[in-house]
Amino acid sequence: MNKTIGVIFLIAFLYIQPVIPLISAAECDYGNVNASIRLSNGVWRKATSHPVLKRGETFDIKVVIGTKTVLQHLFLKLHEFGTPVFDVIEGPTEIDQILENHGTIPSGTMFVYTWTVQVRPNTSWVTAYAPLEVFMQFNKNDTDERRINFDVLTAYIIDELWENCTNVDSTKNFSKNHDPNNHQSGPVFVPVIIIVFIIAVSLRFFRFR
């Protein structure tokens, strides 16, 4: 009985782990990153947020960066996993496009960037979770760097069109940074594969004990 409970606990942990906020990952020796999102209802939420979004729904992302030492370069991007779900409507970069700051950057410098992002009205990734990650790199020089990455949101996408969506027939189906021949699995399949593997190994282990 105790073994069965242990297996169930392990499976549950593996399932929820991808959506646990990684607050401790938002700071390093060279700087810190804070992110938040504002939903269509006007409510700001701190990362990592877990909203329920409809196809075509928009939201705002704000990323605040602070430096702790003198740096030469900063690199920032919003990164998406698997099936394309999000499009940038307004902002300094597209999804998976790197935003760069070069030159001498003093300690104590602050940068604030905002994006308006939309769930693609014609996305095929529905009734599933879709993460959007902030990736940050602080370069003190060409060989000394620190990195931070965490999910700014892990949204559950429902198969329902947002009532305020006006671009249902958008032809912007895929970002130029996504290879249409890339058949990478969507974000939910990875935990499922891990869970199946753990169950199989656990059953085999308990059988021969």
N, C-alpha and C. Protein backbone atom coordinates (compact mmCIF):
# COMPACT_ATOMS: atom_id res chain seq x y z
N MET A 1 0.83 -1.21 0.00
CA MET A 1 0.00 0.00 0.00
C MET A 1 0.87 1.26 0.00
N ASN A 2 1.90 1.25 0.86
CA ASN A 2 2.79 2.41 0.94
C ASN A 2 3.53 2.64 -0.39
N LYS A 3 3.87 1.53 -1.05
CA LYS A 3 4.55 1.65 -2.34
C LYS A 3 3.63 2.29 -3.37
N THR A 4 2.37 1.89 -3.36
CA THR A 4 1.41 2.46 -4.31
C THR A 4 1.23 3.95 -4.09
N ILE A 5 1.14 4.35 -2.81
CA ILE A 5 1.01 5.77 -2.49
C ILE A 5 2.24 6.55 -2.96
N GLY A 6 3.41 5.93 -2.79
CA GLY A 6 4.64 6.60 -3.23
C GLY A 6 4.67 6.82 -4.73
N VAL A 7 4.21 5.82 -5.48
CA VAL A 7 4.17 5.96 -6.94
C VAL A 7 3.20 7.06 -7.35
N ILE A 8 2.03 7.10 -6.71
CA ILE A 8 1.04 8.13 -7.02
C ILE A 8 1.59 9.51 -6.72
N PHE A 9 2.27 9.65 -5.58
CA PHE A 9 2.86 10.95 -5.20
C PHE A 9 3.90 11.39 -6.22
N LEU A 10 4.74 10.46 -6.67
CA LEU A 10 5.78 10.79 -7.65
C LEU A 10 5.17 11.22 -8.97
N ILE A 11 4.12 10.51 -9.41
CA ILE A 11 3.45 10.86 -10.67
C ILE A 11 2.83 12.24 -10.57
N ALA A 12 2.18 12.53 -9.45
CA ALA A 12 1.55 13.84 -9.26
C ALA A 12 2.59 14.95 -9.29
N PHE A 13 3.74 14.72 -8.66
CA PHE A 13 4.80 15.74 -8.64
C PHE A 13 5.32 16.01 -10.04
N LEU A 14 5.53 14.94 -10.83
CA LEU A 14 6.03 15.11 -12.18
C LEU A 14 5.03 15.85 -13.05
N TYR A 15 3.75 15.68 -12.77
CA TYR A 15 2.72 16.34 -13.57
C TYR A 15 2.63 17.82 -13.28
N ILE A 16 2.73 18.20 -12.00
CA ILE A 16 2.54 19.62 -11.65
C ILE A 16 3.84 20.40 -11.69
N GLN A 17 4.98 19.72 -11.73
CA GLN A 17 6.27 20.42 -11.67
C GLN A 17 6.45 21.45 -12.78
N PRO A 18 6.01 21.19 -14.02
CA PRO A 18 6.24 22.21 -15.05
C PRO A 18 5.50 23.51 -14.83
N VAL A 19 4.46 23.52 -13.98
CA VAL A 19 3.70 24.75 -13.77
C VAL A 19 3.96 25.37 -12.41
N ILE A 20 4.97 24.89 -11.68
CA ILE A 20 5.33 25.50 -10.40
C ILE A 20 6.13 26.77 -10.66
N PRO A 21 5.79 27.90 -10.04
CA PRO A 21 6.53 29.14 -10.27
C PRO A 21 8.00 29.01 -9.91
N LEU A 22 8.88 29.49 -10.78
CA LEU A 22 10.32 29.42 -10.54
C LEU A 22 10.81 30.78 -10.07
N ILE A 23 10.26 31.27 -8.96
CA ILE A 23 10.58 32.60 -8.48
C ILE A 23 12.07 32.73 -8.16
N SER A 24 12.69 31.67 -7.61
CA SER A 24 14.10 31.73 -7.23
C SER A 24 15.01 31.86 -8.44
N ALA A 25 14.50 31.56 -9.65
CA ALA A 25 15.31 31.63 -10.86
C ALA A 25 15.37 33.03 -11.43
N ALA A 26 14.72 34.01 -10.80
CA ALA A 26 14.63 35.35 -11.37
C ALA A 26 15.79 36.25 -10.94
N GLU A 27 16.83 35.69 -10.32
CA GLU A 27 17.93 36.51 -9.84
C GLU A 27 19.24 35.72 -9.95
N CYS A 28 20.31 36.43 -10.28
CA CYS A 28 21.64 35.83 -10.33
C CYS A 28 22.66 36.85 -9.84
N ASP A 29 23.93 36.51 -9.92
CA ASP A 29 24.99 37.39 -9.43
C ASP A 29 25.05 38.73 -10.16
N TYR A 30 24.64 38.72 -11.44
CA TYR A 30 24.83 39.90 -12.27
C TYR A 30 23.57 40.74 -12.47
N GLY A 31 22.42 40.22 -12.06
CA GLY A 31 21.20 41.00 -12.25
C GLY A 31 19.97 40.24 -11.83
N ASN A 32 18.82 40.88 -12.01
CA ASN A 32 17.55 40.25 -11.68
C ASN A 32 16.52 40.57 -12.75
N VAL A 33 15.52 39.71 -12.84
CA VAL A 33 14.46 39.85 -13.83
C VAL A 33 13.12 39.62 -13.13
N ASN A 34 12.21 40.56 -13.29
CA ASN A 34 10.86 40.40 -12.78
C ASN A 34 9.88 40.53 -13.94
N ALA A 35 8.91 39.66 -13.99
CA ALA A 35 7.95 39.66 -15.09
C ALA A 35 6.53 39.56 -14.54
N SER A 36 5.60 40.17 -15.27
CA SER A 36 4.19 40.10 -14.91
C SER A 36 3.36 40.19 -16.17
N ILE A 37 2.11 39.74 -16.10
CA ILE A 37 1.21 39.83 -17.23
C ILE A 37 -0.07 40.54 -16.81
N ARG A 38 -0.67 41.24 -17.77
CA ARG A 38 -1.97 41.89 -17.55
C ARG A 38 -2.97 41.27 -18.50
N LEU A 39 -4.00 40.68 -17.94
CA LEU A 39 -5.01 40.01 -18.74
C LEU A 39 -5.95 41.01 -19.39
N SER A 40 -6.84 40.51 -20.24
CA SER A 40 -7.77 41.38 -20.94
C SER A 40 -8.74 42.07 -19.98
N ASN A 41 -8.87 41.55 -18.76
CA ASN A 41 -9.74 42.19 -17.77
C ASN A 41 -9.02 43.29 -16.98
N GLY A 42 -7.76 43.55 -17.34
CA GLY A 42 -7.01 44.64 -16.72
C GLY A 42 -6.28 44.28 -15.45
N VAL A 43 -6.27 43.00 -15.08
CA VAL A 43 -5.64 42.57 -13.82
C VAL A 43 -4.20 42.12 -14.09
N TRP A 44 -3.26 42.70 -13.35
CA TRP A 44 -1.85 42.30 -13.45
C TRP A 44 -1.59 41.10 -12.55
N ARG A 45 -0.81 40.16 -13.05
CA ARG A 45 -0.41 38.98 -12.27
C ARG A 45 1.09 38.81 -12.39
N LYS A 46 1.73 38.43 -11.28
CA LYS A 46 3.17 38.19 -11.30
C LYS A 46 3.47 36.82 -11.88
N ALA A 47 4.65 36.70 -12.48
CA ALA A 47 5.10 35.41 -12.99
C ALA A 47 5.43 34.48 -11.81
N THR A 48 5.17 33.21 -11.94
CA THR A 48 4.57 32.58 -13.11
C THR A 48 3.06 32.56 -12.94
N SER A 49 2.32 33.01 -13.95
CA SER A 49 0.87 33.06 -13.87
C SER A 49 0.27 31.89 -14.66
N HIS A 50 -0.92 31.45 -14.24
CA HIS A 50 -1.56 30.29 -14.88
C HIS A 50 -3.00 30.64 -15.29
N PRO A 51 -3.15 31.56 -16.25
CA PRO A 51 -4.50 31.96 -16.65
C PRO A 51 -5.16 30.96 -17.59
N VAL A 52 -6.47 31.07 -17.70
CA VAL A 52 -7.23 30.34 -18.73
C VAL A 52 -7.53 31.34 -19.84
N LEU A 53 -7.07 31.06 -21.05
CA LEU A 53 -7.20 31.98 -22.17
C LEU A 53 -7.95 31.33 -23.32
N LYS A 54 -8.63 32.18 -24.10
CA LYS A 54 -9.36 31.72 -25.28
C LYS A 54 -8.54 31.99 -26.54
N ARG A 55 -8.90 31.34 -27.62
CA ARG A 55 -8.27 31.63 -28.91
C ARG A 55 -8.53 33.09 -29.28
N GLY A 56 -7.48 33.80 -29.67
CA GLY A 56 -7.62 35.19 -30.04
C GLY A 56 -7.52 36.18 -28.90
N GLU A 57 -7.43 35.71 -27.67
CA GLU A 57 -7.38 36.63 -26.52
C GLU A 57 -6.00 37.27 -26.43
N THR A 58 -5.97 38.54 -26.01
CA THR A 58 -4.72 39.27 -25.87
C THR A 58 -4.38 39.51 -24.41
N PHE A 59 -3.11 39.75 -24.15
CA PHE A 59 -2.63 40.08 -22.81
C PHE A 59 -1.31 40.84 -22.96
N ASP A 60 -0.93 41.54 -21.90
CA ASP A 60 0.31 42.32 -21.89
C ASP A 60 1.35 41.64 -21.00
N ILE A 61 2.60 41.72 -21.43
CA ILE A 61 3.72 41.22 -20.64
C ILE A 61 4.65 42.39 -20.33
N LYS A 62 5.07 42.49 -19.09
CA LYS A 62 6.06 43.49 -18.69
C LYS A 62 7.24 42.80 -18.04
N VAL A 63 8.44 43.11 -18.54
CA VAL A 63 9.67 42.54 -17.99
C VAL A 63 10.56 43.68 -17.50
N VAL A 64 10.95 43.60 -16.24
CA VAL A 64 11.81 44.62 -15.62
C VAL A 64 13.15 43.98 -15.29
N ILE A 65 14.23 44.56 -15.82
CA ILE A 65 15.58 44.01 -15.64
C ILE A 65 16.41 45.00 -14.84
N GLY A 66 17.14 44.50 -13.86
CA GLY A 66 18.06 45.33 -13.08
C GLY A 66 19.44 44.72 -13.08
N THR A 67 20.47 45.55 -13.21
CA THR A 67 21.85 45.04 -13.22
C THR A 67 22.50 45.24 -11.85
N LYS A 68 23.37 44.30 -11.48
CA LYS A 68 24.07 44.35 -10.20
C LYS A 68 25.56 44.66 -10.33
N THR A 69 26.03 44.66 -11.58
CA THR A 69 27.44 44.92 -11.82
C THR A 69 27.57 45.54 -13.21
N VAL A 70 28.76 45.99 -13.56
CA VAL A 70 28.99 46.56 -14.90
C VAL A 70 28.99 45.42 -15.92
N LEU A 71 28.21 45.60 -16.98
CA LEU A 71 28.07 44.57 -17.99
C LEU A 71 28.38 45.12 -19.38
N GLN A 72 28.68 44.19 -20.30
CA GLN A 72 28.93 44.57 -21.69
C GLN A 72 27.73 44.30 -22.59
N HIS A 73 26.98 43.23 -22.27
CA HIS A 73 25.85 42.85 -23.13
C HIS A 73 24.70 42.33 -22.29
N LEU A 74 23.49 42.55 -22.80
CA LEU A 74 22.29 41.93 -22.24
C LEU A 74 21.52 41.31 -23.40
N PHE A 75 21.02 40.11 -23.18
CA PHE A 75 20.22 39.43 -24.19
C PHE A 75 18.91 38.98 -23.54
N LEU A 76 17.81 39.27 -24.22
CA LEU A 76 16.49 38.94 -23.68
C LEU A 76 15.62 38.42 -24.82
N LYS A 77 14.81 37.40 -24.52
CA LYS A 77 13.81 36.97 -25.50
C LYS A 77 12.65 36.27 -24.81
N LEU A 78 11.51 36.29 -25.47
CA LEU A 78 10.36 35.49 -25.08
C LEU A 78 10.43 34.20 -25.89
N HIS A 79 10.42 33.09 -25.20
CA HIS A 79 10.62 31.79 -25.86
C HIS A 79 9.39 30.92 -25.72
N GLU A 80 9.02 30.30 -26.84
CA GLU A 80 7.84 29.42 -26.87
C GLU A 80 8.28 28.00 -27.14
N PHE A 81 7.55 27.04 -26.58
CA PHE A 81 7.88 25.63 -26.73
C PHE A 81 6.89 24.94 -27.66
N GLY A 82 7.39 24.08 -28.53
CA GLY A 82 6.51 23.22 -29.30
C GLY A 82 5.62 23.96 -30.29
N THR A 83 4.36 23.52 -30.37
CA THR A 83 3.38 24.08 -31.30
C THR A 83 3.22 25.58 -31.08
N PRO A 84 3.35 26.41 -32.12
CA PRO A 84 3.18 27.86 -31.95
C PRO A 84 1.78 28.21 -31.47
N VAL A 85 1.71 28.99 -30.41
CA VAL A 85 0.43 29.39 -29.81
C VAL A 85 0.28 30.91 -29.77
N PHE A 86 1.38 31.63 -29.58
CA PHE A 86 1.32 33.07 -29.32
C PHE A 86 1.91 33.88 -30.46
N ASP A 87 1.37 35.09 -30.64
CA ASP A 87 1.90 36.08 -31.57
C ASP A 87 2.06 37.41 -30.84
N VAL A 88 3.13 38.14 -31.15
CA VAL A 88 3.31 39.49 -30.61
C VAL A 88 2.53 40.46 -31.49
N ILE A 89 1.62 41.21 -30.88
CA ILE A 89 0.86 42.24 -31.58
C ILE A 89 1.63 43.56 -31.57
N GLU A 90 2.25 43.85 -30.44
CA GLU A 90 3.04 45.07 -30.31
C GLU A 90 4.14 44.83 -29.28
N GLY A 91 5.35 45.29 -29.59
CA GLY A 91 6.45 45.11 -28.66
C GLY A 91 7.80 45.22 -29.35
N PRO A 92 8.87 45.16 -28.59
CA PRO A 92 10.22 45.35 -29.15
C PRO A 92 10.72 44.17 -29.99
N THR A 93 10.16 42.97 -29.77
CA THR A 93 10.60 41.78 -30.52
C THR A 93 9.43 40.86 -30.77
N GLU A 94 9.61 39.94 -31.71
CA GLU A 94 8.69 38.83 -31.91
C GLU A 94 9.02 37.72 -30.92
N ILE A 95 8.17 36.71 -30.87
CA ILE A 95 8.47 35.53 -30.07
C ILE A 95 9.75 34.89 -30.63
N ASP A 96 10.66 34.52 -29.74
CA ASP A 96 11.93 33.86 -30.08
C ASP A 96 12.90 34.76 -30.85
N GLN A 97 12.65 36.05 -30.86
CA GLN A 97 13.61 36.99 -31.42
C GLN A 97 14.38 37.65 -30.28
N ILE A 98 15.70 37.70 -30.38
CA ILE A 98 16.54 38.19 -29.29
C ILE A 98 16.58 39.72 -29.29
N LEU A 99 16.39 40.28 -28.11
CA LEU A 99 16.54 41.72 -27.89
C LEU A 99 17.91 41.94 -27.25
N GLU A 100 18.75 42.77 -27.86
CA GLU A 100 20.13 42.93 -27.41
C GLU A 100 20.39 44.36 -26.94
N ASN A 101 21.20 44.47 -25.89
CA ASN A 101 21.75 45.74 -25.42
C ASN A 101 23.25 45.62 -25.35
N HIS A 102 23.97 46.48 -26.09
CA HIS A 102 25.43 46.42 -26.15
C HIS A 102 26.03 47.68 -25.53
N GLY A 103 27.33 47.59 -25.26
CA GLY A 103 28.04 48.73 -24.69
C GLY A 103 28.18 48.60 -23.19
N THR A 104 28.83 49.56 -22.58
CA THR A 104 29.02 49.54 -21.13
C THR A 104 27.70 49.85 -20.43
N ILE A 105 27.23 48.88 -19.63
CA ILE A 105 25.97 49.02 -18.90
C ILE A 105 26.30 49.10 -17.41
N PRO A 106 26.11 50.25 -16.78
CA PRO A 106 26.51 50.41 -15.37
C PRO A 106 25.68 49.54 -14.43
N SER A 107 26.25 49.28 -13.27
CA SER A 107 25.52 48.61 -12.20
C SER A 107 24.37 49.50 -11.74
N GLY A 108 23.23 48.89 -11.42
CA GLY A 108 22.07 49.65 -10.97
C GLY A 108 21.20 50.17 -12.10
N THR A 109 21.51 49.79 -13.34
CA THR A 109 20.70 50.20 -14.48
C THR A 109 19.42 49.36 -14.54
N MET A 110 18.32 50.00 -14.91
CA MET A 110 17.04 49.30 -15.02
C MET A 110 16.50 49.44 -16.43
N PHE A 111 15.98 48.34 -16.96
CA PHE A 111 15.33 48.32 -18.27
C PHE A 111 13.92 47.78 -18.10
N VAL A 112 12.97 48.39 -18.79
CA VAL A 112 11.57 47.93 -18.75
C VAL A 112 11.10 47.72 -20.19
N TYR A 113 10.60 46.53 -20.47
CA TYR A 113 10.10 46.20 -21.80
C TYR A 113 8.68 45.65 -21.68
N THR A 114 7.83 46.00 -22.65
CA THR A 114 6.45 45.52 -22.63
C THR A 114 6.07 44.96 -24.00
N TRP A 115 5.24 43.96 -23.98
CA TRP A 115 4.69 43.35 -25.19
C TRP A 115 3.18 43.20 -25.05
N THR A 116 2.48 43.32 -26.15
CA THR A 116 1.09 42.89 -26.22
C THR A 116 1.07 41.62 -27.06
N VAL A 117 0.60 40.54 -26.46
CA VAL A 117 0.66 39.22 -27.07
C VAL A 117 -0.76 38.68 -27.26
N GLN A 118 -0.94 37.92 -28.31
CA GLN A 118 -2.25 37.32 -28.59
C GLN A 118 -2.14 35.81 -28.74
N VAL A 119 -3.11 35.10 -28.18
CA VAL A 119 -3.24 33.68 -28.51
C VAL A 119 -3.72 33.60 -29.95
N ARG A 120 -3.06 32.84 -30.76
CA ARG A 120 -3.43 32.77 -32.17
C ARG A 120 -4.88 32.32 -32.32
N PRO A 121 -5.70 33.08 -33.06
CA PRO A 121 -7.11 32.70 -33.21
C PRO A 121 -7.29 31.33 -33.84
N ASN A 122 -6.34 30.94 -34.72
CA ASN A 122 -6.45 29.66 -35.42
C ASN A 122 -5.48 28.62 -34.89
N THR A 123 -5.04 28.79 -33.66
CA THR A 123 -4.11 27.81 -33.10
C THR A 123 -4.76 26.45 -33.00
N SER A 124 -3.97 25.42 -33.24
CA SER A 124 -4.47 24.05 -33.09
C SER A 124 -4.20 23.50 -31.70
N TRP A 125 -3.46 24.28 -30.90
CA TRP A 125 -3.10 23.81 -29.55
C TRP A 125 -4.15 24.31 -28.56
N VAL A 126 -5.18 23.51 -28.35
CA VAL A 126 -6.29 23.89 -27.47
C VAL A 126 -6.54 22.77 -26.46
N THR A 127 -7.30 23.12 -25.41
CA THR A 127 -7.57 22.22 -24.28
C THR A 127 -6.25 21.63 -23.78
N ALA A 128 -5.27 22.49 -23.64
CA ALA A 128 -3.94 22.06 -23.18
C ALA A 128 -3.20 23.28 -22.62
N TYR A 129 -2.10 23.00 -21.92
CA TYR A 129 -1.28 24.07 -21.35
C TYR A 129 -0.22 24.53 -22.35
N ALA A 130 0.02 25.85 -22.39
CA ALA A 130 1.02 26.43 -23.29
C ALA A 130 1.88 27.40 -22.50
N PRO A 131 3.14 27.08 -22.26
CA PRO A 131 4.04 28.00 -21.54
C PRO A 131 4.68 29.03 -22.45
N LEU A 132 5.01 30.17 -21.88
CA LEU A 132 5.78 31.20 -22.57
C LEU A 132 6.88 31.63 -21.61
N GLU A 133 8.11 31.48 -22.03
CA GLU A 133 9.26 31.63 -21.16
C GLU A 133 9.99 32.95 -21.41
N VAL A 134 10.53 33.51 -20.33
CA VAL A 134 11.46 34.63 -20.42
C VAL A 134 12.88 34.08 -20.29
N PHE A 135 13.71 34.38 -21.27
CA PHE A 135 15.12 33.99 -21.23
C PHE A 135 15.97 35.24 -21.16
N MET A 136 16.90 35.27 -20.20
CA MET A 136 17.74 36.46 -19.99
C MET A 136 19.19 36.03 -19.83
N GLN A 137 20.10 36.76 -20.49
CA GLN A 137 21.54 36.49 -20.35
C GLN A 137 22.27 37.79 -20.05
N PHE A 138 23.06 37.78 -18.97
CA PHE A 138 23.90 38.92 -18.58
C PHE A 138 25.35 38.58 -18.92
N ASN A 139 25.99 39.40 -19.74
CA ASN A 139 27.39 39.17 -20.12
C ASN A 139 28.28 40.24 -19.50
N LYS A 140 29.17 39.81 -18.60
CA LYS A 140 30.16 40.73 -18.04
C LYS A 140 31.28 40.97 -19.05
N ASN A 141 31.62 39.93 -19.78
CA ASN A 141 32.55 40.02 -20.91
C ASN A 141 32.25 38.85 -21.83
N ASP A 142 33.12 38.61 -22.78
CA ASP A 142 32.84 37.57 -23.78
C ASP A 142 32.86 36.16 -23.22
N THR A 143 33.48 35.97 -22.06
CA THR A 143 33.59 34.62 -21.50
C THR A 143 32.91 34.47 -20.15
N ASP A 144 32.34 35.54 -19.62
CA ASP A 144 31.75 35.51 -18.29
C ASP A 144 30.28 35.93 -18.40
N GLU A 145 29.39 34.98 -18.19
CA GLU A 145 27.97 35.26 -18.37
C GLU A 145 27.13 34.54 -17.32
N ARG A 146 25.92 35.03 -17.12
CA ARG A 146 24.94 34.40 -16.25
C ARG A 146 23.60 34.37 -16.98
N ARG A 147 22.84 33.30 -16.76
CA ARG A 147 21.55 33.16 -17.45
C ARG A 147 20.41 32.95 -16.46
N ILE A 148 19.25 33.44 -16.85
CA ILE A 148 18.01 33.27 -16.09
C ILE A 148 16.92 32.87 -17.07
N ASN A 149 16.13 31.88 -16.73
CA ASN A 149 14.95 31.57 -17.53
C ASN A 149 13.84 31.04 -16.64
N PHE A 150 12.64 31.47 -16.92
CA PHE A 150 11.46 31.03 -16.17
C PHE A 150 10.23 31.32 -17.01
N ASP A 151 9.14 30.64 -16.70
CA ASP A 151 7.88 30.86 -17.42
C ASP A 151 7.20 32.10 -16.90
N VAL A 152 6.91 33.05 -17.80
CA VAL A 152 6.14 34.22 -17.40
C VAL A 152 4.66 33.82 -17.25
N LEU A 153 4.23 32.82 -18.04
CA LEU A 153 2.90 32.25 -17.85
C LEU A 153 2.87 30.84 -18.40
N THR A 154 1.98 30.06 -17.84
CA THR A 154 1.64 28.75 -18.38
C THR A 154 0.12 28.76 -18.51
N ALA A 155 -0.34 29.09 -19.69
CA ALA A 155 -1.78 29.32 -19.91
C ALA A 155 -2.47 28.04 -20.35
N TYR A 156 -3.70 27.87 -19.88
CA TYR A 156 -4.54 26.78 -20.38
C TYR A 156 -5.40 27.37 -21.48
N ILE A 157 -5.26 26.84 -22.70
CA ILE A 157 -5.95 27.38 -23.87
C ILE A 157 -7.23 26.58 -24.11
N ILE A 158 -8.37 27.26 -24.07
CA ILE A 158 -9.63 26.58 -24.33
C ILE A 158 -10.06 26.82 -25.77
N ASP A 159 -10.78 25.85 -26.32
CA ASP A 159 -11.19 25.92 -27.72
C ASP A 159 -12.46 26.76 -27.86
N GLU A 160 -12.30 28.05 -27.62
CA GLU A 160 -13.40 29.00 -27.72
C GLU A 160 -12.83 30.34 -28.14
N LEU A 161 -13.46 30.96 -29.12
CA LEU A 161 -12.96 32.23 -29.64
C LEU A 161 -13.30 33.37 -28.69
N TRP A 162 -12.30 34.18 -28.39
CA TRP A 162 -12.49 35.36 -27.53
C TRP A 162 -13.48 36.31 -28.18
N GLU A 163 -14.42 36.80 -27.37
CA GLU A 163 -15.50 37.62 -27.90
C GLU A 163 -15.02 38.94 -28.53
N ASN A 164 -13.84 39.44 -28.13
CA ASN A 164 -13.32 40.70 -28.68
C ASN A 164 -12.31 40.50 -29.80
N CYS A 165 -12.15 39.27 -30.25
CA CYS A 165 -11.18 38.99 -31.32
C CYS A 165 -11.71 39.52 -32.65
N THR A 166 -10.87 40.27 -33.36
CA THR A 166 -11.27 40.86 -34.64
C THR A 166 -10.46 40.37 -35.82
N ASN A 167 -9.48 39.50 -35.58
CA ASN A 167 -8.63 39.03 -36.69
C ASN A 167 -8.68 37.52 -36.80
N VAL A 168 -9.89 36.99 -36.88
CA VAL A 168 -10.07 35.54 -36.95
C VAL A 168 -9.39 34.95 -38.18
N ASP A 169 -9.37 35.70 -39.28
CA ASP A 169 -8.82 35.20 -40.53
C ASP A 169 -7.36 35.59 -40.72
N SER A 170 -6.67 35.82 -39.60
CA SER A 170 -5.27 36.22 -39.66
C SER A 170 -4.45 35.20 -40.43
N THR A 171 -3.58 35.69 -41.33
CA THR A 171 -2.72 34.79 -42.10
C THR A 171 -1.38 34.58 -41.43
N LYS A 172 -1.20 35.20 -40.27
CA LYS A 172 0.06 35.05 -39.54
C LYS A 172 0.00 33.77 -38.74
N ASN A 173 0.18 32.65 -39.44
CA ASN A 173 0.01 31.36 -38.80
C ASN A 173 1.27 30.90 -38.07
N PHE A 174 2.42 31.21 -38.65
CA PHE A 174 3.65 30.74 -38.06
C PHE A 174 4.69 31.84 -38.09
N SER A 175 5.38 32.02 -36.96
CA SER A 175 6.46 32.99 -36.88
C SER A 175 7.60 32.52 -37.77
N LYS A 176 8.36 33.46 -38.30
CA LYS A 176 9.50 33.10 -39.15
C LYS A 176 10.54 32.33 -38.39
N ASN A 177 10.50 32.40 -37.03
CA ASN A 177 11.49 31.70 -36.22
C ASN A 177 11.13 30.25 -35.96
N HIS A 178 9.93 29.82 -36.46
CA HIS A 178 9.52 28.44 -36.29
C HIS A 178 9.62 27.71 -37.62
N ASP A 179 10.27 26.58 -37.62
CA ASP A 179 10.41 25.77 -38.81
C ASP A 179 9.13 24.99 -39.04
N PRO A 180 8.41 25.17 -40.16
CA PRO A 180 7.17 24.43 -40.37
C PRO A 180 7.37 22.94 -40.50
N ASN A 181 8.61 22.51 -40.75
CA ASN A 181 8.89 21.08 -40.83
C ASN A 181 9.26 20.47 -39.50
N ASN A 182 9.28 21.31 -38.46
CA ASN A 182 9.63 20.83 -37.13
C ASN A 182 8.40 20.27 -36.47
N HIS A 183 8.37 18.96 -36.24
CA HIS A 183 7.20 18.31 -35.65
C HIS A 183 7.40 18.06 -34.16
N GLN A 184 8.00 19.01 -33.50
CA GLN A 184 8.25 18.90 -32.06
C GLN A 184 6.93 18.77 -31.31
N SER A 185 6.88 17.90 -30.37
CA SER A 185 5.67 17.70 -29.59
C SER A 185 5.33 18.94 -28.79
N GLY A 186 4.06 19.12 -28.52
CA GLY A 186 3.60 20.24 -27.72
C GLY A 186 3.99 20.09 -26.28
N PRO A 187 3.77 21.11 -25.44
CA PRO A 187 4.29 21.15 -24.08
C PRO A 187 3.73 20.12 -23.13
N VAL A 188 2.56 19.55 -23.42
CA VAL A 188 1.96 18.63 -22.46
C VAL A 188 2.44 17.21 -22.65
N PHE A 189 2.96 16.86 -23.85
CA PHE A 189 3.34 15.50 -24.11
C PHE A 189 4.57 15.07 -23.33
N VAL A 190 5.48 15.99 -23.02
CA VAL A 190 6.70 15.62 -22.30
C VAL A 190 6.40 15.05 -20.93
N PRO A 191 5.56 15.73 -20.07
CA PRO A 191 5.23 15.14 -18.78
C PRO A 191 4.51 13.82 -18.91
N VAL A 192 3.66 13.66 -19.94
CA VAL A 192 2.92 12.40 -20.12
C VAL A 192 3.88 11.27 -20.39
N ILE A 193 4.87 11.50 -21.26
CA ILE A 193 5.86 10.47 -21.57
C ILE A 193 6.64 10.09 -20.32
N ILE A 194 7.03 11.08 -19.54
CA ILE A 194 7.77 10.82 -18.30
C ILE A 194 6.93 10.00 -17.34
N ILE A 195 5.64 10.35 -17.20
CA ILE A 195 4.75 9.63 -16.28
C ILE A 195 4.61 8.18 -16.69
N VAL A 196 4.41 7.92 -18.00
CA VAL A 196 4.27 6.55 -18.48
C VAL A 196 5.54 5.77 -18.19
N PHE A 197 6.71 6.40 -18.41
CA PHE A 197 7.98 5.73 -18.16
C PHE A 197 8.14 5.40 -16.68
N ILE A 198 7.81 6.35 -15.80
CA ILE A 198 7.93 6.12 -14.36
C ILE A 198 7.02 5.00 -13.91
N ILE A 199 5.78 4.97 -14.43
CA ILE A 199 4.85 3.90 -14.05
C ILE A 199 5.41 2.54 -14.44
N ALA A 200 5.93 2.44 -15.69
CA ALA A 200 6.45 1.17 -16.17
C ALA A 200 7.64 0.70 -15.33
N VAL A 201 8.57 1.61 -15.05
CA VAL A 201 9.74 1.25 -14.25
C VAL A 201 9.34 0.87 -12.83
N SER A 202 8.39 1.62 -12.25
CA SER A 202 7.96 1.37 -10.87
C SER A 202 7.29 0.00 -10.76
N LEU A 203 6.41 -0.32 -11.69
CA LEU A 203 5.72 -1.62 -11.65
C LEU A 203 6.72 -2.77 -11.78
N ARG A 204 7.70 -2.57 -12.66
CA ARG A 204 8.72 -3.63 -12.85
C ARG A 204 9.56 -3.77 -11.59
N PHE A 205 9.90 -2.65 -10.94
CA PHE A 205 10.71 -2.69 -9.73
C PHE A 205 9.96 -3.39 -8.60
N PHE A 206 8.68 -3.04 -8.40
CA PHE A 206 7.93 -3.61 -7.29
C PHE A 206 7.64 -5.10 -7.52
N ARG A 207 7.52 -5.52 -8.77
CA ARG A 207 7.24 -6.92 -9.05
C ARG A 207 8.38 -7.83 -8.63
N PHE A 208 9.60 -7.33 -8.80
CA PHE A 208 10.75 -8.18 -8.50
C PHE A 208 11.36 -7.93 -7.14
N ARG A 209 10.73 -7.14 -6.29
CA ARG A 209 11.23 -6.95 -4.94
C ARG A 209 10.86 -8.13 -4.04
